[in-house]
Amino acid sequence: MAIPLSFMSLFFLLLLPSFISSSLLQDPELVVQEVHKSINASRRNLAFLSCVTGNPIDDCWRCDTNWEKNRKRLADCAIGFGKHAIGGRDGKIYVVTDPSDDPVSPKPGTLRYGVIQEEPLWIIFKHDMVIKLKQELMMNSFKTIDGRGVNVHIAGGPCITIQYVTNIIIHGINIHDCKQGGNAYVRDSPIHYGWRTLSDGDGVSIFGGSHVWVDHCSLSNCRDGLIDAIHGSTAITISNNYMTHHNKVMLLGHSDSYTKDKNMQVTIAFNHFGEGLVQRMPRCRHGYFHVVNNDYTHWRMYAIGGSAAPTINSQGNRFLAPNDITFKQVTKRENTPQNKWVNWNWRSRGDLLLNGAFFTPSGVAASSSYARASSLSAKPSSLVSSITASAGYLNCRKGSRC
């Protein structure tokens, strides 16, 4: 009889002390290193021991061996505040065949040509490719970028911008080493191009966007943020991503004075915040943020921070504090005295805090209406290992389960 994955994960954790040598047990730093090594070495293999993992997004579509013929089923699997992001579900399939890029006059078959079209499109890729964009990829509404079945990298140049558009899905691609763009003309539709000033160099920049879902991407080493959402963006889900080697990971909210971000609602679920991360997982302003069932195994300064009285609902996450940092706080209030932040609604429920990690709560419990809006209930933190085992880019192959 197959043992459910969650129980296998628990069994593994229970056995871990028995195969760590007595010398390691005497050195806490080595113990933490061994835990990191065991988690990272096993997490992707664990995901394939059972089809049903308890991850509601993955369990919605990954058991289908015909996923390649049923790609658009993915659009029905979103959870959280971005659950209504349908991307290009109602449009045709567009196949990227050419990795080249022209910011003003893109050729048919290129990624840029597909994302600027007016009609809904579900964008896939014919083969493995590295796309080094010359300027920001300005997306139009109702688009899906679906990298399943091939190995696609957007890297080495400016990356993805979602500005004043809606219904975007970005799934299954590698986004890394993103640079600044701008001071150039860039096309954002078949009938319009305009002058772009200097960009920040984000992996994914959401600027006044809504109904956006970023799922199963691997992101690292960009100039500014890996994923930033500002200027009134809302209805966003960031899920199943694997983030590594970066300083300022996620900024959610433009500035303390930009009060339109009070309407921002973001779900951050089932992500693995891994090696080489420093801070902002996420950093929040003004809005409401549901941080649920994520695995935090690395940070240098803090994991979750904010200013301007955001509401942060942290549920069922696993926070493993690195051994070689002085301050093991999960939370940080930015540039605000305690007599003010003490009233902010920051709550931790069911979080697993390991190796000295601590979460400083404040305020009162969040309204139950937020939980209903997010439509996502937290799983026990003991299951985070199995829920996040396949975070990041998936090595999907046609004819078999993804």
Protein backbone atom coordinates (compact mmCIF):
# COMPACT_ATOMS: atom_id res chain seq x y z
CA MET A 1 0.00 0.00 0.00
CA ALA A 2 1.35 3.39 -0.95
CA ILE A 3 2.04 5.65 1.98
CA PRO A 4 0.56 9.17 1.49
CA LEU A 5 3.23 11.70 0.77
CA SER A 6 2.52 13.84 3.80
CA PHE A 7 3.11 10.90 6.11
CA MET A 8 6.33 10.01 4.27
CA SER A 9 7.53 13.55 4.82
CA LEU A 10 6.72 13.38 8.51
CA PHE A 11 8.39 9.97 8.75
CA PHE A 12 11.51 11.41 7.09
CA LEU A 13 11.64 14.29 9.56
CA LEU A 14 11.22 11.95 12.51
CA LEU A 15 14.08 9.77 11.29
CA LEU A 16 16.39 12.65 10.46
CA PRO A 17 18.05 12.82 13.91
CA SER A 18 18.95 9.12 13.74
CA PHE A 19 21.18 9.55 10.72
CA ILE A 20 22.79 12.83 11.74
CA SER A 21 26.02 11.92 13.48
CA SER A 22 26.56 12.67 17.14
CA SER A 23 29.24 15.21 16.19
CA LEU A 24 26.69 17.11 14.11
CA LEU A 25 24.23 17.14 16.97
CA GLN A 26 26.83 18.93 19.07
CA ASP A 27 27.10 21.73 16.50
CA PRO A 28 23.78 23.54 15.85
CA GLU A 29 25.08 25.17 12.67
CA LEU A 30 25.91 21.81 11.13
CA VAL A 31 22.50 20.47 12.13
CA VAL A 32 20.78 23.31 10.26
CA GLN A 33 23.02 22.74 7.24
CA GLU A 34 22.11 19.06 7.26
CA VAL A 35 18.39 19.88 7.43
CA HIS A 36 18.75 22.28 4.48
CA LYS A 37 20.65 19.67 2.51
CA SER A 38 18.05 16.98 3.20
CA ILE A 39 15.11 19.25 2.36
CA ASN A 40 16.60 20.52 -0.91
CA ALA A 41 17.86 17.11 -2.04
CA SER A 42 14.55 15.35 -1.46
CA ARG A 43 11.84 17.94 -2.17
CA ARG A 44 11.53 17.38 -5.93
CA ASN A 45 11.67 13.58 -5.67
CA LEU A 46 8.99 13.60 -2.99
CA ALA A 47 6.54 15.26 -5.36
CA PHE A 48 6.38 12.24 -7.66
CA LEU A 49 5.77 9.56 -5.04
CA SER A 50 2.07 10.33 -5.06
CA CYS A 51 -0.24 12.11 -7.46
CA VAL A 52 -2.33 13.76 -4.76
CA THR A 53 -0.10 16.00 -2.65
CA GLY A 54 -2.57 18.18 -0.77
CA ASN A 55 -1.56 21.15 -2.92
CA PRO A 56 -4.95 22.23 -4.33
CA ILE A 57 -3.46 23.84 -7.46
CA ASP A 58 -1.32 20.86 -8.43
CA ASP A 59 -3.96 18.30 -7.53
CA CYS A 60 -6.34 20.11 -9.89
CA TRP A 61 -4.34 19.36 -13.06
CA ARG A 62 -1.08 17.44 -12.56
CA CYS A 63 -2.64 13.96 -12.35
CA ASP A 64 -3.78 14.27 -15.97
CA THR A 65 -1.41 12.39 -18.31
CA ASN A 66 -2.99 14.34 -21.18
CA TRP A 67 -2.18 17.73 -19.65
CA GLU A 68 -0.50 18.78 -22.91
CA LYS A 69 -3.81 18.43 -24.80
CA ASN A 70 -5.77 19.96 -21.91
CA ARG A 71 -3.52 22.92 -21.18
CA LYS A 72 -6.31 25.40 -20.60
CA ARG A 73 -7.62 23.36 -17.69
CA LEU A 74 -4.93 25.14 -15.68
CA ALA A 75 -7.02 28.34 -15.77
CA ASP A 76 -9.63 26.64 -13.57
CA CYS A 77 -7.08 25.73 -10.88
CA ALA A 78 -6.13 29.10 -9.41
CA ILE A 79 -6.70 29.83 -5.73
CA GLY A 80 -6.65 32.90 -3.52
CA PHE A 81 -7.21 36.49 -4.53
CA GLY A 82 -6.04 35.83 -8.10
CA LYS A 83 -8.40 32.90 -8.56
CA HIS A 84 -10.38 34.65 -11.31
CA ALA A 85 -7.34 35.22 -13.54
CA ILE A 86 -8.23 33.28 -16.68
CA GLY A 87 -5.38 34.46 -18.87
CA GLY A 88 -5.86 33.36 -22.47
CA ARG A 89 -8.30 30.55 -21.67
CA ASP A 90 -10.90 31.77 -24.15
CA GLY A 91 -8.48 32.33 -27.03
CA LYS A 92 -6.37 30.38 -29.48
CA ILE A 93 -3.07 28.61 -28.86
CA TYR A 94 -0.09 30.68 -30.00
CA VAL A 95 3.25 28.88 -30.38
CA VAL A 96 6.56 30.67 -29.83
CA THR A 97 9.07 29.34 -32.34
CA ASP A 98 11.63 32.15 -32.41
CA PRO A 99 13.59 33.36 -29.34
CA SER A 100 14.64 36.63 -30.97
CA ASP A 101 13.24 39.99 -29.93
CA ASP A 102 12.43 43.32 -31.55
CA PRO A 103 10.81 45.78 -29.11
CA VAL A 104 9.04 47.86 -31.79
CA SER A 105 8.51 45.51 -34.75
CA PRO A 106 8.28 41.99 -33.31
CA LYS A 107 8.13 39.11 -35.77
CA PRO A 108 5.31 36.52 -35.75
CA GLY A 109 6.48 33.50 -33.81
CA THR A 110 8.27 35.55 -31.14
CA LEU A 111 7.08 35.88 -27.57
CA ARG A 112 6.66 39.64 -27.82
CA TYR A 113 4.45 39.34 -30.91
CA GLY A 114 2.11 37.04 -28.97
CA VAL A 115 1.82 39.01 -25.72
CA ILE A 116 0.95 42.34 -27.40
CA GLN A 117 -2.04 41.04 -29.37
CA GLU A 118 -5.51 42.35 -28.52
CA GLU A 119 -7.30 39.00 -28.46
CA PRO A 120 -6.92 36.35 -25.73
CA LEU A 121 -4.04 33.93 -26.41
CA TRP A 122 -2.66 30.86 -24.65
CA ILE A 123 1.06 31.12 -25.41
CA ILE A 124 3.23 27.98 -25.48
CA PHE A 125 6.73 27.18 -26.78
CA LYS A 126 7.78 24.79 -29.54
CA HIS A 127 11.14 23.87 -27.97
CA ASP A 128 13.60 24.79 -25.23
CA MET A 129 14.83 28.35 -25.54
CA VAL A 130 16.54 31.23 -23.79
CA ILE A 131 14.89 34.56 -24.55
CA LYS A 132 17.06 37.60 -23.90
CA LEU A 133 14.67 40.51 -24.26
CA LYS A 134 16.00 43.84 -25.51
CA GLN A 135 13.35 45.83 -23.62
CA GLU A 136 10.56 45.12 -21.13
CA LEU A 137 7.99 42.59 -22.30
CA MET A 138 4.83 44.73 -22.21
CA MET A 139 1.92 42.34 -21.89
CA ASN A 140 -1.61 42.92 -23.14
CA SER A 141 -4.69 41.63 -21.27
CA PHE A 142 -5.97 38.04 -21.37
CA LYS A 143 -2.69 36.27 -21.99
CA THR A 144 -1.19 33.07 -20.61
CA ILE A 145 2.53 32.30 -20.87
CA ASP A 146 2.71 28.52 -20.40
CA GLY A 147 6.17 26.95 -20.39
CA ARG A 148 5.13 23.38 -19.63
CA GLY A 149 6.80 20.66 -21.69
CA VAL A 150 9.93 22.65 -22.53
CA ASN A 151 12.65 24.52 -20.67
CA VAL A 152 12.19 28.26 -21.19
CA HIS A 153 14.36 30.99 -19.68
CA ILE A 154 13.66 34.70 -19.80
CA ALA A 155 17.04 35.99 -18.73
CA GLY A 156 19.87 38.41 -19.30
CA GLY A 157 17.81 41.44 -20.29
CA PRO A 158 14.70 43.33 -19.14
CA CYS A 159 11.87 40.95 -18.18
CA ILE A 160 8.07 40.95 -17.79
CA THR A 161 5.89 44.04 -17.22
CA ILE A 162 2.15 43.80 -16.51
CA GLN A 163 1.02 47.42 -16.64
CA TYR A 164 -2.63 48.52 -16.49
CA VAL A 165 -3.81 45.19 -17.92
CA THR A 166 -5.84 42.34 -16.52
CA ASN A 167 -6.17 38.54 -16.59
CA ILE A 168 -2.59 37.36 -16.87
CA ILE A 169 -1.23 33.87 -16.09
CA ILE A 170 2.52 33.22 -16.07
CA HIS A 171 3.33 29.57 -15.52
CA GLY A 172 6.27 27.23 -15.74
CA ILE A 173 9.17 29.42 -16.84
CA ASN A 174 12.58 30.41 -15.46
CA ILE A 175 13.05 34.13 -14.88
CA HIS A 176 16.48 35.29 -13.80
CA ASP A 177 19.30 37.80 -14.22
CA CYS A 178 16.84 40.51 -15.24
CA LYS A 179 18.30 43.92 -16.11
CA GLN A 180 17.04 47.46 -16.47
CA GLY A 181 15.47 48.54 -19.73
CA GLY A 182 14.03 51.79 -21.00
CA ASN A 183 14.98 55.07 -22.63
CA ALA A 184 13.68 53.37 -25.73
CA TYR A 185 10.50 52.78 -27.73
CA VAL A 186 8.55 49.63 -26.88
CA ARG A 187 5.38 48.24 -28.44
CA ASP A 188 2.49 47.25 -26.14
CA SER A 189 -0.21 46.49 -28.74
CA PRO A 190 -0.44 45.96 -32.51
CA ILE A 191 -1.40 49.61 -32.98
CA HIS A 192 0.67 51.42 -30.36
CA TYR A 193 4.23 51.81 -29.20
CA GLY A 194 5.62 54.46 -26.90
CA TRP A 195 8.69 55.79 -25.14
CA ARG A 196 9.63 53.90 -21.97
CA THR A 197 11.72 55.53 -19.29
CA LEU A 198 14.24 53.52 -17.29
CA SER A 199 12.73 50.42 -15.67
CA ASP A 200 13.67 48.91 -12.31
CA GLY A 201 14.86 45.52 -13.54
CA ASP A 202 12.19 43.34 -11.89
CA GLY A 203 11.57 39.74 -12.86
CA VAL A 204 7.83 40.38 -12.96
CA SER A 205 6.60 43.96 -12.53
CA ILE A 206 2.85 44.38 -11.87
CA PHE A 207 1.90 48.06 -12.19
CA GLY A 208 -1.79 48.86 -11.90
CA GLY A 209 -2.58 45.28 -12.94
CA SER A 210 -5.38 43.04 -11.73
CA HIS A 211 -6.33 39.36 -11.83
CA VAL A 212 -2.75 38.15 -12.12
CA TRP A 213 -1.47 34.65 -11.30
CA VAL A 214 2.23 33.72 -11.24
CA ASP A 215 2.63 29.97 -10.69
CA HIS A 216 5.43 27.38 -10.82
CA CYS A 217 8.17 29.72 -11.92
CA SER A 218 11.80 29.69 -10.78
CA LEU A 219 13.09 33.19 -10.13
CA SER A 220 16.49 34.49 -9.06
CA ASN A 221 19.11 37.22 -9.26
CA CYS A 222 17.30 40.21 -10.74
CA ARG A 223 18.37 43.82 -10.43
CA ASP A 224 15.41 44.96 -8.30
CA GLY A 225 12.55 42.69 -7.19
CA LEU A 226 11.75 39.17 -8.30
CA ILE A 227 8.02 40.00 -8.27
CA ASP A 228 6.79 43.53 -7.45
CA ALA A 229 3.18 44.76 -7.42
CA ILE A 230 2.50 48.49 -7.08
CA HIS A 231 0.23 51.39 -8.08
CA GLY A 232 -3.17 49.94 -7.26
CA SER A 233 -2.52 46.38 -8.40
CA THR A 234 -4.84 43.81 -6.85
CA ALA A 235 -6.43 40.35 -7.17
CA ILE A 236 -3.05 38.62 -7.33
CA THR A 237 -1.89 35.09 -6.50
CA ILE A 238 1.80 34.18 -6.30
CA SER A 239 2.03 30.41 -5.88
CA ASN A 240 4.30 27.38 -6.22
CA ASN A 241 7.35 29.45 -7.11
CA TYR A 242 10.95 28.70 -6.16
CA MET A 243 12.91 31.85 -5.34
CA THR A 244 16.65 31.92 -4.69
CA HIS A 245 19.76 34.15 -4.68
CA HIS A 246 18.23 37.58 -4.39
CA ASN A 247 18.11 40.51 -1.99
CA LYS A 248 14.76 42.34 -2.19
CA VAL A 249 12.44 39.49 -3.16
CA MET A 250 8.93 41.00 -3.32
CA LEU A 251 7.60 44.53 -2.89
CA LEU A 252 3.81 44.77 -2.59
CA GLY A 253 2.73 48.41 -2.41
CA HIS A 254 4.32 51.45 -4.05
CA SER A 255 5.03 53.80 -1.15
CA ASP A 256 3.71 54.73 2.30
CA SER A 257 1.98 57.77 0.79
CA TYR A 258 0.33 55.94 -2.13
CA THR A 259 -2.99 55.14 -0.47
CA LYS A 260 -4.62 53.59 -3.55
CA ASP A 261 -2.75 50.42 -2.58
CA LYS A 262 -5.19 50.04 0.33
CA ASN A 263 -7.29 48.02 -2.11
CA MET A 264 -4.46 45.59 -2.84
CA GLN A 265 -5.20 41.94 -2.10
CA VAL A 266 -2.45 39.34 -2.64
CA THR A 267 -2.26 35.62 -1.86
CA ILE A 268 1.23 34.14 -1.43
CA ALA A 269 0.92 30.36 -1.23
CA PHE A 270 2.98 27.15 -1.54
CA ASN A 271 6.21 28.93 -2.49
CA HIS A 272 9.70 27.88 -1.44
CA PHE A 273 11.86 30.82 -0.35
CA GLY A 274 15.24 29.20 -0.67
CA GLU A 275 18.97 29.68 -0.78
CA GLY A 276 20.57 33.11 -0.91
CA LEU A 277 17.54 35.27 -0.07
CA VAL A 278 17.88 38.32 2.17
CA GLN A 279 14.56 40.13 2.77
CA ARG A 280 11.06 41.06 1.51
CA MET A 281 9.26 37.72 1.32
CA PRO A 282 7.20 39.93 0.99
CA ARG A 283 7.45 43.59 2.06
CA CYS A 284 3.90 44.98 2.22
CA ARG A 285 2.14 48.33 2.32
CA HIS A 286 -1.48 49.30 2.99
CA GLY A 287 -3.37 46.27 1.62
CA TYR A 288 -4.30 42.75 2.71
CA PHE A 289 -1.84 39.88 2.32
CA HIS A 290 -2.56 36.19 2.89
CA VAL A 291 0.73 34.29 3.36
CA VAL A 292 -0.10 30.61 3.55
CA ASN A 293 1.75 27.27 3.51
CA ASN A 294 5.07 28.60 2.26
CA ASP A 295 8.46 27.10 3.10
CA TYR A 296 11.04 29.61 4.33
CA THR A 297 14.49 28.04 4.59
CA HIS A 298 16.74 31.08 4.06
CA TRP A 299 16.71 34.75 4.97
CA ARG A 300 19.39 37.17 6.17
CA MET A 301 17.46 40.18 7.50
CA TYR A 302 13.80 39.15 7.83
CA ALA A 303 11.15 37.16 5.99
CA ILE A 304 7.95 39.25 6.15
CA GLY A 305 7.98 43.02 6.56
CA GLY A 306 5.94 46.09 5.92
CA SER A 307 4.92 49.67 6.59
CA ALA A 308 1.81 51.85 6.29
CA ALA A 309 -0.42 49.51 8.32
CA PRO A 310 -0.84 46.50 6.03
CA THR A 311 -2.88 43.52 7.19
CA ILE A 312 -0.77 40.35 7.11
CA ASN A 313 -2.37 36.97 7.74
CA SER A 314 0.37 34.32 8.08
CA GLN A 315 -0.98 30.77 8.24
CA GLY A 316 0.59 27.33 8.19
CA ASN A 317 4.03 28.43 7.02
CA ARG A 318 7.33 26.81 8.00
CA PHE A 319 10.04 29.26 9.08
CA LEU A 320 13.48 27.67 9.57
CA ALA A 321 15.81 30.42 10.78
CA PRO A 322 19.37 30.21 9.45
CA ASN A 323 21.83 29.47 12.22
CA ASP A 324 24.39 32.08 11.20
CA ILE A 325 22.24 35.21 11.60
CA THR A 326 22.01 37.28 14.78
CA PHE A 327 18.36 38.32 14.52
CA LYS A 328 16.03 35.45 13.74
CA GLN A 329 12.86 37.50 13.52
CA VAL A 330 10.40 36.57 10.80
CA THR A 331 8.78 40.02 10.92
CA LYS A 332 10.02 43.57 10.54
CA ARG A 333 8.10 46.84 10.75
CA GLU A 334 9.83 49.43 8.58
CA ASN A 335 10.42 53.00 9.80
CA THR A 336 7.54 52.97 12.29
CA PRO A 337 7.57 53.35 16.10
CA GLN A 338 6.06 50.57 18.16
CA ASN A 339 3.25 52.74 19.51
CA LYS A 340 1.92 52.89 15.95
CA TRP A 341 2.60 49.39 14.59
CA VAL A 342 1.18 47.76 17.69
CA ASN A 343 -2.26 48.34 16.12
CA TRP A 344 -1.42 46.81 12.72
CA ASN A 345 -3.14 43.48 12.08
CA TRP A 346 -0.28 41.00 11.74
CA ARG A 347 -1.28 37.48 12.74
CA SER A 348 0.47 34.11 12.83
CA ARG A 349 -1.77 31.04 13.01
CA GLY A 350 -0.42 27.52 12.83
CA ASP A 351 3.05 28.61 11.67
CA LEU A 352 6.00 26.31 12.45
CA LEU A 353 8.87 28.36 13.87
CA LEU A 354 12.20 26.49 13.97
CA ASN A 355 15.76 27.13 15.17
CA GLY A 356 14.89 30.28 17.08
CA ALA A 357 12.64 31.88 14.46
CA PHE A 358 10.03 34.18 16.00
CA PHE A 359 7.02 36.06 14.68
CA THR A 360 5.96 39.28 16.43
CA PRO A 361 2.17 39.64 16.10
CA SER A 362 0.22 42.85 16.52
CA GLY A 363 -3.29 44.24 16.31
CA VAL A 364 -6.39 42.11 16.29
CA ALA A 365 -7.46 39.14 14.21
CA ALA A 366 -8.26 39.88 10.61
CA SER A 367 -11.88 39.98 9.52
CA SER A 368 -13.36 36.64 8.49
CA SER A 369 -14.47 38.30 5.25
CA TYR A 370 -10.84 38.36 4.14
CA ALA A 371 -10.53 34.60 4.54
CA ARG A 372 -13.69 34.10 2.49
CA ALA A 373 -12.40 36.43 -0.23
CA SER A 374 -9.10 34.59 -0.42
CA SER A 375 -10.97 31.26 -0.70
CA LEU A 376 -7.96 29.43 0.69
CA SER A 377 -7.76 27.49 3.93
CA ALA A 378 -4.34 26.73 5.36
CA LYS A 379 -3.12 23.16 5.62
CA PRO A 380 -1.19 22.15 8.76
CA SER A 381 2.38 23.44 8.69
CA SER A 382 3.59 19.86 9.14
CA LEU A 383 2.53 19.24 5.53
CA VAL A 384 4.48 22.14 4.01
CA SER A 385 7.28 19.84 2.82
CA SER A 386 4.93 17.84 0.59
CA ILE A 387 2.80 20.83 -0.45
CA THR A 388 5.84 22.77 -1.69
CA ALA A 389 7.90 19.80 -2.91
CA SER A 390 7.53 20.78 -6.58
CA ALA A 391 7.83 24.55 -6.19
CA GLY A 392 9.35 26.22 -9.22
CA TYR A 393 9.77 25.16 -12.83
CA LEU A 394 8.35 21.68 -13.55
CA ASN A 395 10.15 19.26 -15.84
CA CYS A 396 6.97 18.21 -17.63
CA ARG A 397 7.10 15.78 -20.54
CA LYS A 398 4.33 14.97 -22.99
CA GLY A 399 2.44 11.75 -22.41
CA SER A 400 3.15 11.46 -18.71
CA ARG A 401 2.03 13.15 -15.55
CA CYS A 402 3.62 16.55 -15.07
